[in-house]
Each structure stands twice: as structure tokens, then as C-alpha cells.
């Protein structure tokens, strides 16, 4: 998934607002309007309420055909014409009416017509004119959300992604400084601009913010696909990335399940390997096709290895306790938690951390936190352990992600 600028929604939603304003303005400006002009305009309003925009536009033109149109009548006709034409999708006609109205307006009223004109010009793909009217809207004091979104859209359409990134980053920073969650659209715009500018570090940072604020499956997929390429991220955490993909519904291919099953088996996590292979079979991506025999052979090997691991883990733990450093206890504890007893595994990892002389202290605490997180009674302790990890080799990234992951896949 590659975040990109979302379709212009809010900015082009002004049609309905303009319609409501126009319907109200017919009666507001009816004073000084002759009956032969007012009657078809009233009928036009009735048609618009029935969603019959083309019939409404025909009635507006009927009113417009009356001779000797006064200034008051011109204003009322233009308002109804703009609304009916917008609803009918006849934006060139709407533009003529709106420019007539804007030409007679000032202040906040001008700002409103300028906003509608910017949107109408966007609908006709005339970005230059849309930009002109946006400037006039802002100069008239109109700073509505749709104005901002249209400005953002035009920046993106112009290809000025440096400007898009700068504006979006300012919005994100302002929200964070105010203690608010940044808007999803602002984060998406920023990520898209950074990606187009080949700002890999910035893009990954924004993806993380997007994920932590809006943990959707697609955002998980995008972030996890790029995490292994993050500067300083160690290949040792390849299996951890697969675990997160599994937990977030992003492990779906046959080769993904096979890779994860083999990696967990290589690391002695035979029970986790069995769970992975069985999930692949349940999902229908393993056990079928020309490679079905290979899948079954791996399945049989995992079953055999799991039995061996359960028999040998006690001796492995005893041997690890005799080591000078705590590294072996960390490994034995992780395997113990996986194939035999989670509680005993946690104790072994804690003993290893207490013994010290660890090659990778942050990774040791990551293994402890994940073991604690795998069962309800130690889950809160696991969350606290994960929050304490600040490693820059990937351990800190993995720990932070498990704080928001929807499930714990084991291991």
C-alpha cells in the first residue's frame, strides 16, 4: 500500500451547501422581483428540492427570458442558476452565474462566492482559475476547511510535492503540539509527498505516525513492508516482522507461511512453527497445488521436532544456567515459553537478564516482554516491559509495534 492523496471530498462538497443557500436566498431576495420572474424561480426551487436539477435549470432560463430584468431580479436569478447548474453538473453555466454574483459582492459574501467558483473551476479541470479564486476567497477572509483542502489538492496537482510536504508537516506538527491526533488526511498527504520526494526516512516516520494513530490493516502492511529497510534495523528481527504481519492479517501467501514456519523451526520454536503451518492449512494456502507434498513433509518434520524440543528443553535450560553470560538462558527461556511452560520460560529469561553479560540487552527484554504478553495473567507486565525498550537495532521498533498490535501470535 502506498499512501496517496485522497480524492477531493470536502472541497467539492460545496454544491449541496450552495444549493441550500440559493433556495433560501430566493425568498430573501424576492422583494422587488416581478411575479413573471418570481414564479418560474419558485418552481425551479421546487424542482431542486425534488432533485430535478435540469427541470429547475429550464425554469431559471424561463425567468431569465423575461424582458427588462432588474438588478434585484438578476441577483436572484444568478443565485438559483448557480445552484441548479451545479446540481445538474453544468459547471460552465454555474461559473457564469457565480462570476456575476462575485462581481457584485464584497467582504464575506465575496469569500463565499469565490470558494464556490474555485470548486466549480476544479470540476472543469481549470486549476489556474481555481487557484485565482482561492486567493480571492482567502483575501476576503474565507479560511474554511474546504478552502484548505482545495489548496492542498492544487499543490499536489501541480507536482510541487515539496510544498505539499511542508504544508502537511506543519498541520501534523500543529496537531501534535496541541496534544491532538494528527488528521489522517494530513498524514497521508505528508507520506505521499515524502515518498514522491524519495525521503525514505521521513516517509517511514510518517507511516509510523499514521499506523499509531490509525492502525488499519493497510497501514500495517505498508509499514511492515518497509521496516526491514530502516537504517540500523537488524536482520535478526526478520521473524519478528513476520509475526507482526501474521497478527495484523498481512501474512497471506503460501511462501510467507512456509518461510515463517521454517524460521521458527530453525530457532527452536517448534510449537509456534506448528501453529503457523496449521494456520496456513486452514487458510487454504498450504496443502494444495503441486507443492502440497513439500508442505506435508515440513508439517511432519515440525511435529517430530516439537516432540524432541519438549523432551530436551529441561536439559537445555540446565546447561544454559551453567553458562557465564545470560544469553543462553534467554534463548532457553524463549523456547521453554514456546514448547512447554510460559511461566517457566519467563522465569528463565528473567534469570538470564539478572545474570547479565548479555550480548543484546534490549533484545533480551523484548523476548521477556513478548513471553509475558502471550498470556493474560502477565499481559500488563509484558506491556510495561515493552514500553521500557529503547533499542535502535530494531528491538525498539518491534516493541512499540506490539503495544498496538491486535493480537499476540506467540513465540
Protein backbone atom coordinates (compact mmCIF):
# COMPACT_ATOMS: atom_id res chain seq x y z
CA UNK A 1 0.00 0.00 0.00
CA UNK A 2 1.32 3.37 -0.96
CA UNK A 3 -0.48 6.25 0.77
CA UNK A 4 -1.63 8.83 -1.73
CA UNK A 5 -3.69 11.97 -1.74
CA UNK A 6 -7.31 11.06 -1.20
CA UNK A 7 -9.94 12.23 -3.69
CA UNK A 8 -11.16 15.75 -3.14
CA UNK A 9 -14.17 15.22 -0.92
CA UNK A 10 -14.76 18.14 1.41
CA UNK A 11 -13.59 20.67 -1.11
CA UNK A 12 -16.14 19.61 -3.69
CA UNK A 13 -19.00 19.14 -1.24
CA UNK A 14 -19.88 22.82 -1.51
CA UNK A 15 -22.55 22.05 -4.15
CA UNK A 16 -25.08 20.95 -1.54
CA UNK A 17 -24.24 23.93 0.67
CA UNK A 18 -24.61 26.32 -2.26
CA UNK A 19 -27.95 24.76 -3.13
CA UNK A 20 -29.34 25.26 0.35
CA UNK A 21 -28.12 28.85 0.35
CA UNK A 22 -29.67 29.53 -3.04
CA UNK A 23 -33.04 28.10 -2.07
CA UNK A 24 -33.11 30.35 0.96
CA UNK A 25 -31.96 33.37 -0.99
CA UNK A 26 -34.83 33.26 -3.47
CA UNK A 27 -37.29 34.27 -0.78
CA UNK A 28 -34.75 36.60 0.84
CA UNK A 29 -34.26 38.47 -2.43
CA UNK A 30 -37.86 38.15 -3.64
CA UNK A 31 -38.66 41.73 -2.76
CA UNK A 32 -38.58 43.75 -5.97
CA UNK A 33 -38.90 40.63 -8.14
CA UNK A 34 -41.86 40.67 -10.51
CA UNK A 35 -44.35 37.81 -10.46
CA UNK A 36 -43.46 36.69 -14.01
CA UNK A 37 -39.85 36.28 -12.83
CA UNK A 38 -40.52 35.05 -9.32
CA UNK A 39 -42.98 32.30 -10.30
CA UNK A 40 -40.58 30.24 -12.50
CA UNK A 41 -37.84 30.76 -9.93
CA UNK A 42 -40.09 29.39 -7.23
CA UNK A 43 -40.87 26.43 -9.48
CA UNK A 44 -37.15 25.97 -10.03
CA UNK A 45 -36.71 25.77 -6.27
CA UNK A 46 -39.45 23.15 -6.04
CA UNK A 47 -37.75 21.10 -8.74
CA UNK A 48 -34.42 21.29 -6.93
CA UNK A 49 -35.99 20.01 -3.74
CA UNK A 50 -37.20 17.05 -5.81
CA UNK A 51 -33.67 16.52 -7.19
CA UNK A 52 -34.81 17.52 -10.69
CA UNK A 53 -31.91 19.80 -11.49
CA UNK A 54 -32.33 20.01 -15.27
CA UNK A 55 -36.00 20.91 -14.95
CA UNK A 56 -35.00 23.55 -12.39
CA UNK A 57 -32.41 24.98 -14.77
CA UNK A 58 -35.02 25.19 -17.51
CA UNK A 59 -37.27 27.22 -15.21
CA UNK A 60 -34.38 29.54 -14.35
CA UNK A 61 -33.86 30.17 -18.05
CA UNK A 62 -37.57 30.86 -18.40
CA UNK A 63 -37.29 33.54 -15.71
CA UNK A 64 -34.17 34.89 -17.37
CA UNK A 65 -36.05 35.25 -20.66
CA UNK A 66 -38.46 37.80 -19.26
CA UNK A 67 -37.69 41.24 -20.64
CA UNK A 68 -36.34 44.16 -18.62
CA UNK A 69 -34.56 42.17 -15.89
CA UNK A 70 -33.75 44.44 -12.93
CA UNK A 71 -30.66 44.31 -10.73
CA UNK A 72 -32.59 42.60 -7.92
CA UNK A 73 -34.01 40.06 -10.34
CA UNK A 74 -30.56 39.47 -11.85
CA UNK A 75 -29.14 38.66 -8.42
CA UNK A 76 -31.96 36.23 -7.59
CA UNK A 77 -31.76 34.55 -11.00
CA UNK A 78 -27.99 34.12 -10.72
CA UNK A 79 -28.25 32.54 -7.29
CA UNK A 80 -30.80 29.99 -8.47
CA UNK A 81 -28.94 29.40 -11.73
CA UNK A 82 -25.71 28.68 -9.86
CA UNK A 83 -27.40 26.18 -7.59
CA UNK A 84 -29.35 24.44 -10.35
CA UNK A 85 -26.37 24.29 -12.71
CA UNK A 86 -24.11 22.85 -10.02
CA UNK A 87 -26.66 20.22 -9.13
CA UNK A 88 -27.10 19.36 -12.81
CA UNK A 89 -23.33 19.12 -13.33
CA UNK A 90 -23.35 22.03 -15.77
CA UNK A 91 -20.34 23.78 -14.29
CA UNK A 92 -19.67 26.21 -17.15
CA UNK A 93 -23.16 27.63 -16.63
CA UNK A 94 -22.63 27.68 -12.87
CA UNK A 95 -19.37 29.59 -13.35
CA UNK A 96 -21.09 32.31 -15.41
CA UNK A 97 -23.68 32.81 -12.68
CA UNK A 98 -21.16 32.69 -9.85
CA UNK A 99 -18.82 35.19 -11.50
CA UNK A 100 -21.78 37.52 -11.99
CA UNK A 101 -22.58 37.24 -8.29
CA UNK A 102 -18.95 37.63 -7.23
CA UNK A 103 -18.62 40.73 -9.39
CA UNK A 104 -21.30 42.46 -7.30
CA UNK A 105 -20.14 41.20 -3.90
CA UNK A 106 -17.60 42.18 -1.27
CA UNK A 107 -16.39 41.00 2.12
CA UNK A 108 -17.57 37.64 3.43
CA UNK A 109 -20.12 37.30 0.63
CA UNK A 110 -17.35 37.59 -1.94
CA UNK A 111 -15.38 34.98 0.02
CA UNK A 112 -18.30 32.57 -0.24
CA UNK A 113 -18.81 33.03 -3.98
CA UNK A 114 -15.06 32.79 -4.57
CA UNK A 115 -14.98 29.46 -2.74
CA UNK A 116 -17.76 28.10 -4.92
CA UNK A 117 -16.06 29.40 -8.05
CA UNK A 118 -12.80 27.68 -7.08
CA UNK A 119 -14.67 24.41 -6.70
CA UNK A 120 -16.53 24.85 -9.98
CA UNK A 121 -13.30 25.54 -11.84
CA UNK A 122 -11.75 22.44 -10.26
CA UNK A 123 -14.65 20.45 -11.67
CA UNK A 124 -13.81 21.74 -15.13
CA UNK A 125 -10.10 20.92 -14.58
CA UNK A 126 -9.16 24.59 -14.84
CA UNK A 127 -6.71 24.60 -11.96
CA UNK A 128 -5.27 28.01 -12.81
CA UNK A 129 -8.63 29.75 -12.45
CA UNK A 130 -9.41 27.69 -9.36
CA UNK A 131 -6.20 28.98 -7.81
CA UNK A 132 -7.10 32.58 -8.65
CA UNK A 133 -10.47 32.31 -6.95
CA UNK A 134 -8.97 30.56 -3.93
CA UNK A 135 -6.66 33.52 -3.48
CA UNK A 136 -9.64 35.87 -3.68
CA UNK A 137 -11.56 33.75 -1.16
CA UNK A 138 -8.69 33.88 1.34
CA UNK A 139 -8.18 37.61 0.75
CA UNK A 140 -11.85 38.08 1.59
CA UNK A 141 -11.31 36.27 4.91
CA UNK A 142 -12.63 32.83 3.96
CA UNK A 143 -10.49 30.18 5.66
CA UNK A 144 -12.97 27.29 5.65
CA UNK A 145 -11.74 23.66 5.72
CA UNK A 146 -12.75 23.23 2.08
CA UNK A 147 -10.54 26.17 1.10
CA UNK A 148 -7.58 24.49 2.75
CA UNK A 149 -8.32 21.16 1.09
CA UNK A 150 -8.64 22.72 -2.35
CA UNK A 151 -5.31 24.46 -1.82
CA UNK A 152 -3.75 21.14 -0.87
CA UNK A 153 -5.25 19.49 -3.91
CA UNK A 154 -3.86 22.13 -6.23
CA UNK A 155 -0.40 21.81 -4.68
CA UNK A 156 -0.45 18.07 -5.38
CA UNK A 157 -1.85 18.52 -8.87
CA UNK A 158 0.92 21.00 -9.67
CA UNK A 159 3.58 18.46 -8.78
CA UNK A 160 5.05 20.76 -6.13
CA UNK A 161 5.45 17.98 -3.58
CA UNK A 162 7.98 19.94 -1.56
CA UNK A 163 5.23 22.49 -0.89
CA UNK A 164 2.74 19.70 -0.14
CA UNK A 165 5.16 18.13 2.33
CA UNK A 166 5.87 21.44 4.02
CA UNK A 167 2.18 22.31 4.41
CA UNK A 168 1.20 18.84 5.58
CA UNK A 169 4.10 18.66 8.03
CA UNK A 170 3.01 21.99 9.52
CA UNK A 171 -0.52 20.65 10.04
CA UNK A 172 0.78 17.46 11.66
CA UNK A 173 3.15 19.38 13.93
CA UNK A 174 0.44 21.83 14.97
CA UNK A 175 -1.85 18.95 15.94
CA UNK A 176 0.88 17.22 17.92
CA UNK A 177 1.86 20.39 19.75
CA UNK A 178 -1.79 20.93 20.67
CA UNK A 179 -2.00 17.40 22.04
CA UNK A 180 -4.31 16.26 19.25
CA UNK A 181 -4.07 13.27 16.97
CA UNK A 182 -2.99 14.49 13.51
CA UNK A 183 -5.70 14.27 10.86
CA UNK A 184 -5.47 11.09 8.79
CA UNK A 185 -5.62 13.05 5.53
CA UNK A 186 -2.71 15.27 6.62
CA UNK A 187 -0.59 12.22 7.43
CA UNK A 188 -1.49 10.60 4.12
CA UNK A 189 -0.61 13.75 2.18
CA UNK A 190 2.69 14.03 4.01
CA UNK A 191 3.56 10.37 3.44
CA UNK A 192 2.66 10.59 -0.24
CA UNK A 193 4.75 13.74 -0.76
CA UNK A 194 7.72 12.27 1.11
CA UNK A 195 7.57 9.11 -0.96
CA UNK A 196 7.49 11.12 -4.19
CA UNK A 197 10.45 13.15 -2.96
CA UNK A 198 12.36 9.92 -2.13
CA UNK A 199 12.54 10.98 1.52
CA UNK A 200 12.69 7.39 2.79
CA UNK A 201 13.39 8.20 6.44
CA UNK A 202 10.66 10.83 6.59
CA UNK A 203 8.22 8.54 4.80
CA UNK A 204 8.79 5.70 7.27
CA UNK A 205 8.45 8.09 10.21
CA UNK A 206 5.14 9.40 8.87
CA UNK A 207 3.91 5.86 8.19
CA UNK A 208 4.62 5.04 11.83
CA UNK A 209 2.60 8.06 12.97
CA UNK A 210 -0.20 7.03 10.63
CA UNK A 211 -0.11 3.48 11.98
CA UNK A 212 -0.08 4.50 15.62
CA UNK A 213 -2.94 6.95 15.14
CA UNK A 214 -4.99 4.87 12.69
CA UNK A 215 -3.90 1.20 12.99
CA UNK A 216 -5.60 -0.10 9.86
CA UNK A 217 -4.55 -3.28 8.11
CA UNK A 218 -3.28 -1.45 5.00
CA UNK A 219 -1.11 0.84 7.10
CA UNK A 220 0.33 -2.17 8.93
CA UNK A 221 1.15 -3.73 5.56
CA UNK A 222 2.83 -0.58 4.28
CA UNK A 223 4.89 -0.03 7.41
CA UNK A 224 5.97 -3.64 7.93
CA UNK A 225 7.00 -3.95 4.27
CA UNK A 226 9.45 -1.08 4.73
CA UNK A 227 10.59 -1.61 8.33
CA UNK A 228 13.35 -4.13 7.44
CA UNK A 229 14.93 -1.45 5.22
CA UNK A 230 15.03 1.13 8.01
CA UNK A 231 18.56 2.36 8.74
CA UNK A 232 20.08 0.29 11.54
CA UNK A 233 17.35 -2.37 11.53
CA UNK A 234 18.96 -5.76 12.19
CA UNK A 235 18.12 -8.87 10.10
CA UNK A 236 17.80 -10.69 13.45
CA UNK A 237 14.26 -9.30 13.68
CA UNK A 238 13.07 -10.75 10.36
CA UNK A 239 10.98 -13.34 12.20
CA UNK A 240 9.53 -10.63 14.45
CA UNK A 241 8.32 -8.76 11.38
CA UNK A 242 6.64 -11.92 10.11
CA UNK A 243 4.97 -12.38 13.50
CA UNK A 244 3.55 -8.88 13.29
CA UNK A 245 2.37 -9.49 9.74
CA UNK A 246 0.58 -12.61 10.92
CA UNK A 247 -1.00 -10.83 13.88
CA UNK A 248 -2.28 -7.98 11.69
CA UNK A 249 -3.72 -10.14 8.90
CA UNK A 250 -0.92 -9.38 6.45
CA UNK A 251 0.57 -12.86 6.12
CA UNK A 252 -1.43 -14.34 3.27
CA UNK A 253 0.82 -16.04 0.71
CA UNK A 254 2.00 -19.64 0.62
CA UNK A 255 5.66 -18.63 0.62
CA UNK A 256 5.10 -16.35 3.64
CA UNK A 257 3.67 -19.18 5.74
CA UNK A 258 6.42 -21.54 4.62
CA UNK A 259 9.13 -19.00 5.43
CA UNK A 260 7.76 -18.27 8.86
CA UNK A 261 7.27 -21.95 9.69
CA UNK A 262 10.88 -22.68 8.70
CA UNK A 263 12.34 -19.71 10.57
CA UNK A 264 10.51 -20.52 13.79
CA UNK A 265 11.61 -24.15 13.49
CA UNK A 266 15.25 -23.11 12.96
CA UNK A 267 15.10 -21.02 16.14
CA UNK A 268 13.72 -23.92 18.18
CA UNK A 269 10.18 -22.51 18.36
CA UNK A 270 8.61 -25.77 17.18
CA UNK A 271 5.20 -25.16 18.75
CA UNK A 272 4.92 -21.77 17.11
CA UNK A 273 6.05 -23.37 13.85
CA UNK A 274 3.25 -25.92 14.14
CA UNK A 275 0.67 -23.19 14.79
CA UNK A 276 1.87 -21.28 11.74
CA UNK A 277 1.74 -24.32 9.45
CA UNK A 278 -1.73 -25.22 10.69
CA UNK A 279 -2.95 -21.68 10.07
CA UNK A 280 -1.62 -21.97 6.52
CA UNK A 281 -3.55 -25.17 6.01
CA UNK A 282 -6.70 -23.64 7.50
CA UNK A 283 -6.35 -20.62 5.21
CA UNK A 284 -6.10 -22.93 2.20
CA UNK A 285 -2.67 -21.68 1.09
CA UNK A 286 -0.84 -24.83 2.23
CA UNK A 287 -1.61 -28.45 1.38
CA UNK A 288 -2.79 -27.71 -2.17
CA UNK A 289 -1.23 -27.44 -5.60
CA UNK A 290 1.98 -29.01 -6.94
CA UNK A 291 3.87 -28.17 -3.71
CA UNK A 292 1.37 -29.94 -1.44
CA UNK A 293 3.82 -32.80 -0.82
CA UNK A 294 6.53 -30.36 0.30
CA UNK A 295 4.09 -28.67 2.65
CA UNK A 296 3.19 -32.02 4.21
CA UNK A 297 6.85 -33.01 4.66
CA UNK A 298 7.50 -29.76 6.52
CA UNK A 299 4.39 -30.36 8.61
CA UNK A 300 5.62 -33.85 9.56
CA UNK A 301 9.11 -32.54 10.37
CA UNK A 302 7.64 -29.85 12.63
CA UNK A 303 5.59 -32.42 14.52
CA UNK A 304 8.71 -34.52 15.10
CA UNK A 305 10.83 -31.54 16.14
CA UNK A 306 8.17 -30.31 18.55
CA UNK A 307 8.20 -33.63 20.34
CA UNK A 308 12.01 -33.56 20.54
CA UNK A 309 12.00 -29.97 21.79
CA UNK A 310 9.60 -30.79 24.61
CA UNK A 311 11.82 -33.70 25.68
CA UNK A 312 15.06 -31.74 25.56
CA UNK A 313 14.13 -28.31 26.89
CA UNK A 314 14.75 -29.13 30.55
CA UNK A 315 18.32 -30.21 29.84
CA UNK A 316 18.85 -27.16 27.61
CA UNK A 317 17.73 -24.93 30.47
CA UNK A 318 20.10 -26.68 32.90
CA UNK A 319 23.02 -26.29 30.50
CA UNK A 320 22.16 -22.64 29.97
CA UNK A 321 22.20 -21.97 33.71
CA UNK A 322 25.83 -23.05 33.81
CA UNK A 323 26.91 -20.50 31.21
CA UNK A 324 28.78 -17.40 32.31
CA UNK A 325 26.50 -15.00 30.45
CA UNK A 326 22.74 -14.84 30.47
CA UNK A 327 22.40 -15.23 26.68
CA UNK A 328 21.83 -18.98 26.77
CA UNK A 329 19.14 -18.59 29.43
CA UNK A 330 17.36 -16.02 27.26
CA UNK A 331 17.28 -18.49 24.37
CA UNK A 332 16.29 -21.44 26.56
CA UNK A 333 13.59 -19.37 28.24
CA UNK A 334 12.12 -18.30 24.89
CA UNK A 335 11.98 -21.94 23.73
CA UNK A 336 10.58 -23.07 27.09
CA UNK A 337 7.79 -20.49 26.83
CA UNK A 338 7.08 -21.72 23.31
CA UNK A 339 7.07 -25.51 23.66
CA UNK A 340 6.44 -26.23 27.34
CA UNK A 341 5.56 -23.67 30.03
CA UNK A 342 5.18 -19.95 29.55
CA UNK A 343 5.62 -19.29 33.26
CA UNK A 344 8.85 -21.33 33.40
CA UNK A 345 10.06 -19.66 30.23
CA UNK A 346 9.52 -16.21 31.71
CA UNK A 347 11.48 -17.23 34.84
CA UNK A 348 14.40 -18.44 32.75
CA UNK A 349 14.50 -15.20 30.71
CA UNK A 350 14.38 -13.15 33.91
CA UNK A 351 17.25 -15.24 35.32
CA UNK A 352 19.23 -14.61 32.17
CA UNK A 353 18.68 -10.85 32.39
CA UNK A 354 19.65 -10.89 36.08
CA UNK A 355 22.84 -12.86 35.31
CA UNK A 356 23.91 -10.14 32.91
CA UNK A 357 26.83 -10.13 30.46
CA UNK A 358 24.25 -10.07 27.71
CA UNK A 359 25.22 -9.60 24.06
CA UNK A 360 21.98 -7.72 23.34
CA UNK A 361 20.16 -6.49 26.49
CA UNK A 362 17.33 -4.81 24.55
CA UNK A 363 16.59 -7.98 22.62
CA UNK A 364 16.59 -9.95 25.90
CA UNK A 365 13.92 -7.64 27.31
CA UNK A 366 11.99 -7.90 24.04
CA UNK A 367 11.88 -11.71 24.44
CA UNK A 368 10.72 -11.27 28.03
CA UNK A 369 8.03 -8.79 27.06
CA UNK A 370 6.67 -10.98 24.25
CA UNK A 371 6.59 -14.05 26.52
CA UNK A 372 4.73 -12.04 29.15
CA UNK A 373 2.36 -10.63 26.54
CA UNK A 374 1.41 -14.12 25.33
CA UNK A 375 -0.76 -14.91 28.36
CA UNK A 376 -3.49 -12.88 30.03
CA UNK A 377 -2.16 -13.01 33.59
CA UNK A 378 1.20 -11.43 32.67
CA UNK A 379 -0.04 -9.20 29.86
CA UNK A 380 0.21 -5.94 31.81
CA UNK A 381 3.75 -6.81 32.86
CA UNK A 382 4.53 -7.52 29.21
CA UNK A 383 3.24 -4.13 28.13
CA UNK A 384 5.38 -2.44 30.78
CA UNK A 385 8.45 -4.39 29.66
CA UNK A 386 7.90 -3.47 26.02
CA UNK A 387 7.46 0.21 26.89
CA UNK A 388 10.90 0.20 28.52
CA UNK A 389 12.76 -0.90 25.38
CA UNK A 390 14.62 1.84 23.52
CA UNK A 391 16.93 -0.18 21.27
CA UNK A 392 17.83 1.32 17.90
CA UNK A 393 18.68 -2.01 16.25
CA UNK A 394 15.04 -2.87 15.61
CA UNK A 395 14.17 -4.09 19.11
CA UNK A 396 12.60 -0.74 19.99
CA UNK A 397 10.56 -0.71 16.77
CA UNK A 398 9.25 -4.24 17.35
CA UNK A 399 8.42 -3.46 20.98
CA UNK A 400 6.46 -0.32 20.08
CA UNK A 401 4.51 -2.15 17.40
CA UNK A 402 3.43 -4.91 19.78
CA UNK A 403 1.96 -2.25 22.05
CA UNK A 404 -0.68 -1.56 19.41
CA UNK A 405 -0.86 -4.92 17.61
CA UNK A 406 -4.32 -6.53 17.67
CA UNK A 407 -3.08 -9.98 18.75
CA UNK A 408 -0.09 -11.92 20.06
CA UNK A 409 0.96 -14.72 17.77
CA UNK A 410 3.13 -16.48 20.30
CA UNK A 411 6.83 -17.13 20.47
